[in-house]
Amino acid sequence: MKMILKNRFYIFLLVMLFSKIGIAQSTEISGRVESSADVENIHVINKTAQKFTITNVLGEFTIPVKLNDTLSFSSVQHEPKEVVISKEIITSKTVTVVLVEQINTLNQVTVGKVLTGDLSSDIGNVEGNAPINFYDVGIPGYKGKIATQSERRLAEAGEFKPKMLLGALTGSIPLNPILNGISGRTKMLKERVAHEKNEALVKTLRENFSESLFIIYPLDEEFRMDFFYFCELDENFTKRCTGTSDLEILEFLTEKLKEYKANQKEE
């Protein structure tokens, strides 16, 4: 009888031991984000394990976790939220998170005449004429992206191509591209256009990724702008951060942040 009780005690200890080991090990869970706003590309960060992923178009994601890990959810459209991994989540390997849409309210500003909503009354309060566009006069117009001043100047400067020299046979050589190419103006304008695009990209990265990135790898506020300009110096900056997923961009920024911090320690 004593032997049976002893064996049962050892079995009980083994079960408890393996259960604790199972809880301590990393487990991949499947999750789903619900919201009244768009649920795609929400950043899901395991702050404890320094792992991250993003949601798909349905708000679904998978991420490795351990008991008591903290998951952080953030996006431009939503209020940030944190979830602590419980035993129930570990056991079910699933979690559903409801996010609240971020609503940015502006102070009310009254400009010009106050309209009442009564059309017959408001017509008398409105001054000036509506602007005329190409739709009004029935002519075709450009509907694409408006070029910046630097892009317009580059287009006007033109770019020299060897085939332009064939124009000498007909006496119609375009002088602007040749002169601008010799003087270096075309090269300068190209560099300016590229710099402006990078500036816009840096601004977008700061707005969309700062919160998620610095949750995992904290960086003092005073160094953050310098860090993003450090990223811009990478020869693959545009390639790695344009036309790619948020997850790929976060991976690139993480790589660069590790390099940036290593450089700080060397200085």
Protein backbone atom coordinates (compact mmCIF):
# COMPACT_ATOMS: atom_id res chain seq x y z
CA MET A 1 0.00 0.00 0.00
CA LYS A 2 2.82 2.38 0.92
CA MET A 3 4.55 1.56 -2.34
CA ILE A 4 1.40 2.40 -4.34
CA LEU A 5 0.99 5.70 -2.52
CA LYS A 6 4.65 6.49 -3.07
CA ASN A 7 4.38 5.76 -6.79
CA ARG A 8 1.27 7.95 -7.07
CA PHE A 9 3.13 10.76 -5.31
CA TYR A 10 6.01 10.53 -7.78
CA ILE A 11 3.58 10.45 -10.70
CA PHE A 12 1.88 13.55 -9.31
CA LEU A 13 5.22 15.33 -9.02
CA LEU A 14 6.14 14.41 -12.59
CA VAL A 15 2.81 15.70 -13.90
CA MET A 16 3.26 18.98 -12.05
CA LEU A 17 6.84 19.30 -13.28
CA PHE A 18 5.94 18.71 -16.92
CA SER A 19 2.98 21.07 -16.71
CA LYS A 20 5.23 23.84 -15.39
CA ILE A 21 7.80 23.13 -18.10
CA GLY A 22 5.02 23.29 -20.70
CA ILE A 23 3.85 26.66 -19.40
CA ALA A 24 7.39 28.02 -19.32
CA GLN A 25 8.05 27.02 -22.93
CA SER A 26 7.15 29.29 -25.80
CA THR A 27 3.78 28.56 -27.38
CA GLU A 28 2.53 29.92 -30.68
CA ILE A 29 -0.96 31.33 -30.34
CA SER A 30 -3.45 32.44 -32.98
CA GLY A 31 -5.23 35.72 -32.42
CA ARG A 32 -7.82 37.96 -33.97
CA VAL A 33 -8.31 41.71 -33.68
CA GLU A 34 -11.80 43.16 -33.87
CA SER A 35 -12.64 46.81 -34.48
CA SER A 36 -15.06 49.11 -36.25
CA ALA A 37 -12.06 50.40 -38.25
CA ASP A 38 -9.68 48.59 -40.60
CA VAL A 39 -8.00 45.63 -38.86
CA GLU A 40 -5.23 44.97 -41.39
CA ASN A 41 -1.57 45.83 -40.66
CA ILE A 42 -2.06 46.33 -36.91
CA HIS A 43 1.26 45.92 -35.15
CA VAL A 44 1.30 43.09 -32.59
CA ILE A 45 4.35 43.20 -30.33
CA ASN A 46 5.42 40.74 -27.66
CA LYS A 47 7.19 43.27 -25.43
CA THR A 48 8.58 40.57 -23.14
CA ALA A 49 10.09 38.34 -25.83
CA GLN A 50 10.82 41.21 -28.26
CA LYS A 51 8.90 39.54 -31.09
CA PHE A 52 6.51 41.25 -33.48
CA THR A 53 4.10 40.55 -36.30
CA ILE A 54 1.20 42.25 -38.09
CA THR A 55 -2.43 41.32 -38.70
CA ASN A 56 -3.79 40.22 -42.07
CA VAL A 57 -6.82 41.67 -43.82
CA LEU A 58 -9.11 39.76 -41.44
CA GLY A 59 -7.28 40.97 -38.34
CA GLU A 60 -5.70 37.56 -37.74
CA PHE A 61 -2.16 36.94 -36.48
CA THR A 62 0.10 34.33 -34.91
CA ILE A 63 2.90 35.03 -32.42
CA PRO A 64 5.02 33.01 -29.95
CA VAL A 65 4.28 33.73 -26.26
CA LYS A 66 4.93 32.50 -22.74
CA LEU A 67 2.85 32.83 -19.60
CA ASN A 68 2.69 36.47 -18.37
CA ASP A 69 4.17 37.90 -21.57
CA THR A 70 2.71 41.28 -22.54
CA LEU A 71 1.31 41.81 -26.03
CA SER A 72 1.01 45.37 -27.29
CA PHE A 73 -1.37 46.31 -30.11
CA SER A 74 -0.94 49.58 -31.98
CA SER A 75 -1.82 51.30 -35.24
CA VAL A 76 -2.44 54.82 -36.47
CA GLN A 77 -6.20 54.18 -36.50
CA HIS A 78 -6.56 52.68 -33.01
CA GLU A 79 -5.93 53.45 -29.38
CA PRO A 80 -3.01 51.34 -28.09
CA LYS A 81 -3.86 48.30 -25.99
CA GLU A 82 -1.92 45.71 -23.99
CA VAL A 83 -2.87 42.12 -23.14
CA VAL A 84 -1.11 39.93 -20.56
CA ILE A 85 -0.89 36.26 -21.56
CA SER A 86 -2.88 34.17 -19.08
CA LYS A 87 -3.05 30.41 -18.48
CA GLU A 88 -6.37 30.35 -20.32
CA ILE A 89 -4.75 31.87 -23.44
CA ILE A 90 -1.85 29.41 -23.23
CA THR A 91 -4.24 26.47 -22.90
CA SER A 92 -6.59 27.52 -25.71
CA LYS A 93 -3.78 28.94 -27.86
CA THR A 94 -6.17 31.64 -29.02
CA VAL A 95 -6.94 35.24 -28.11
CA THR A 96 -9.43 37.84 -29.34
CA VAL A 97 -8.66 41.52 -28.84
CA VAL A 98 -11.12 44.35 -29.35
CA LEU A 99 -9.53 47.69 -30.26
CA VAL A 100 -11.12 51.11 -30.01
CA GLU A 101 -10.89 53.36 -33.06
CA GLN A 102 -8.75 56.45 -32.50
CA ILE A 103 -10.82 59.58 -33.08
CA ASN A 104 -8.90 62.83 -33.42
CA THR A 105 -11.16 65.77 -32.70
CA LEU A 106 -10.35 69.34 -33.68
CA ASN A 107 -11.51 72.49 -32.01
CA GLN A 108 -14.47 74.06 -33.78
CA VAL A 109 -13.45 76.93 -36.04
CA THR A 110 -15.89 79.26 -37.76
CA VAL A 111 -14.65 80.64 -41.06
CA GLY A 112 -16.64 83.24 -42.99
CA LYS A 113 -20.41 83.23 -43.01
CA VAL A 114 -22.40 80.94 -40.72
CA LEU A 115 -24.73 78.65 -42.67
CA THR A 116 -28.05 77.65 -41.12
CA GLY A 117 -28.97 74.72 -43.35
CA ASP A 118 -31.89 76.64 -44.88
CA LEU A 119 -30.92 76.79 -48.56
CA SER A 120 -33.07 79.82 -49.40
CA SER A 121 -31.52 81.73 -46.50
CA ASP A 122 -27.91 80.53 -46.95
CA ILE A 123 -27.68 81.45 -50.64
CA GLY A 124 -27.84 85.11 -49.69
CA ASN A 125 -24.99 84.69 -47.17
CA VAL A 126 -22.52 83.06 -49.56
CA GLU A 127 -20.10 85.37 -51.32
CA GLY A 128 -17.90 84.74 -54.36
CA ASN A 129 -18.07 82.26 -57.23
CA ALA A 130 -17.11 78.60 -57.26
CA PRO A 131 -13.79 77.90 -59.07
CA ILE A 132 -14.06 76.54 -62.61
CA ASN A 133 -12.16 73.36 -63.47
CA PHE A 134 -11.70 71.38 -66.67
CA TYR A 135 -14.83 69.31 -65.93
CA ASP A 136 -16.98 72.46 -66.14
CA VAL A 137 -15.79 73.42 -69.61
CA GLY A 138 -15.74 69.88 -71.02
CA ILE A 139 -12.02 69.54 -71.76
CA PRO A 140 -9.65 66.73 -70.71
CA GLY A 141 -7.38 67.40 -67.75
CA TYR A 142 -4.58 65.75 -65.78
CA LYS A 143 -5.88 63.59 -62.91
CA GLY A 144 -2.62 62.07 -61.69
CA LYS A 145 -0.29 63.00 -58.85
CA ILE A 146 0.76 66.65 -58.82
CA ALA A 147 4.51 66.98 -59.35
CA THR A 148 6.62 68.81 -56.79
CA GLN A 149 8.54 71.95 -57.76
CA SER A 150 11.80 69.96 -57.96
CA GLU A 151 10.16 67.30 -60.17
CA ARG A 152 8.84 69.97 -62.51
CA ARG A 153 12.26 71.59 -62.73
CA LEU A 154 13.85 68.22 -63.48
CA ALA A 155 11.31 67.58 -66.24
CA GLU A 156 12.02 71.02 -67.71
CA ALA A 157 15.78 70.48 -67.55
CA GLY A 158 15.48 67.24 -69.49
CA GLU A 159 18.00 64.42 -69.56
CA PHE A 160 20.70 64.06 -72.15
CA LYS A 161 20.68 60.82 -74.15
CA PRO A 162 23.24 59.92 -76.86
CA LYS A 163 20.49 59.44 -79.45
CA MET A 164 19.78 63.16 -79.19
CA LEU A 165 22.98 63.76 -81.17
CA LEU A 166 21.24 62.25 -84.19
CA GLY A 167 19.25 65.48 -84.25
CA ALA A 168 22.37 67.17 -85.64
CA LEU A 169 21.55 65.59 -88.99
CA THR A 170 18.27 67.45 -89.11
CA GLY A 171 19.43 70.55 -87.27
CA SER A 172 17.13 69.96 -84.29
CA ILE A 173 19.42 69.20 -81.35
CA PRO A 174 17.66 69.85 -77.98
CA LEU A 175 20.04 72.22 -76.20
CA ASN A 176 18.55 72.20 -72.69
CA PRO A 177 19.32 68.54 -71.85
CA ILE A 178 22.86 68.88 -73.18
CA LEU A 179 23.66 72.14 -71.38
CA ASN A 180 22.06 70.98 -68.11
CA GLY A 181 23.93 67.68 -68.33
CA ILE A 182 27.30 69.42 -68.87
CA SER A 183 26.73 71.95 -66.09
CA GLY A 184 25.62 69.29 -63.61
CA ARG A 185 22.20 70.88 -63.11
CA THR A 186 20.34 67.72 -64.10
CA LYS A 187 22.33 65.64 -61.62
CA MET A 188 21.71 68.20 -58.89
CA LEU A 189 17.96 68.20 -59.57
CA LYS A 190 17.85 64.39 -59.52
CA GLU A 191 19.56 64.36 -56.14
CA ARG A 192 17.11 66.99 -54.84
CA VAL A 193 14.08 64.98 -56.01
CA ALA A 194 15.48 61.81 -54.41
CA HIS A 195 16.16 63.68 -51.16
CA GLU A 196 12.61 65.07 -51.05
CA LYS A 197 11.18 61.57 -51.56
CA ASN A 198 13.38 60.24 -48.76
CA GLU A 199 12.29 63.08 -46.48
CA ALA A 200 8.65 62.16 -47.09
CA LEU A 201 9.42 58.49 -46.47
CA VAL A 202 11.24 59.29 -43.20
CA LYS A 203 8.21 61.29 -42.04
CA THR A 204 5.88 58.37 -42.83
CA LEU A 205 8.12 55.89 -41.00
CA ARG A 206 8.26 58.10 -37.91
CA GLU A 207 4.50 58.47 -37.80
CA ASN A 208 3.63 54.82 -38.45
CA PHE A 209 6.42 52.84 -36.78
CA SER A 210 7.88 54.84 -33.88
CA GLU A 211 5.47 53.51 -31.27
CA SER A 212 5.87 49.85 -32.25
CA LEU A 213 9.63 49.96 -32.77
CA PHE A 214 10.55 51.80 -29.57
CA ILE A 215 8.27 49.58 -27.46
CA ILE A 216 10.59 46.69 -28.31
CA TYR A 217 13.87 48.60 -28.42
CA PRO A 218 13.59 51.79 -26.35
CA LEU A 219 15.45 54.87 -27.59
CA ASP A 220 15.51 58.30 -25.98
CA GLU A 221 13.29 60.83 -27.72
CA GLU A 222 16.24 63.13 -28.44
CA PHE A 223 17.91 60.48 -30.63
CA ARG A 224 14.88 59.26 -32.59
CA MET A 225 14.99 61.79 -35.42
CA ASP A 226 18.72 61.19 -35.78
CA PHE A 227 18.05 57.44 -35.97
CA PHE A 228 15.62 57.78 -38.87
CA TYR A 229 18.10 59.91 -40.79
CA PHE A 230 20.68 57.20 -40.05
CA CYS A 231 18.30 54.74 -41.74
CA GLU A 232 18.01 57.07 -44.73
CA LEU A 233 21.76 56.78 -45.34
CA ASP A 234 21.43 53.04 -46.00
CA GLU A 235 21.84 52.36 -49.73
CA ASN A 236 18.81 50.02 -49.58
CA PHE A 237 16.63 52.45 -47.61
CA THR A 238 14.10 53.17 -50.38
CA LYS A 239 14.03 49.55 -51.57
CA ARG A 240 13.48 48.14 -48.07
CA CYS A 241 10.84 50.69 -47.05
CA THR A 242 8.80 51.20 -50.23
CA GLY A 243 6.29 48.72 -51.60
CA THR A 244 6.95 46.26 -48.77
CA SER A 245 4.85 45.02 -45.85
CA ASP A 246 4.90 46.64 -42.41
CA LEU A 247 6.54 43.49 -41.07
CA GLU A 248 9.44 43.80 -43.52
CA ILE A 249 9.82 47.49 -42.69
CA LEU A 250 9.89 46.73 -38.95
CA GLU A 251 12.56 44.10 -39.56
CA PHE A 252 14.67 46.64 -41.47
CA LEU A 253 14.23 49.31 -38.77
CA THR A 254 15.13 46.77 -36.08
CA GLU A 255 18.35 45.90 -37.91
CA LYS A 256 19.26 49.56 -38.29
CA LEU A 257 18.40 50.37 -34.67
CA LYS A 258 20.80 47.67 -33.46
CA GLU A 259 23.50 49.18 -35.69
CA TYR A 260 22.68 52.69 -34.44
CA LYS A 261 22.93 51.66 -30.79
CA ALA A 262 26.20 49.83 -31.46
CA ASN A 263 27.61 53.01 -33.02
CA GLN A 264 26.49 55.02 -29.98
CA LYS A 265 28.42 52.71 -27.67
CA GLU A 266 31.58 53.07 -29.78
CA GLU A 267 31.49 56.88 -29.66
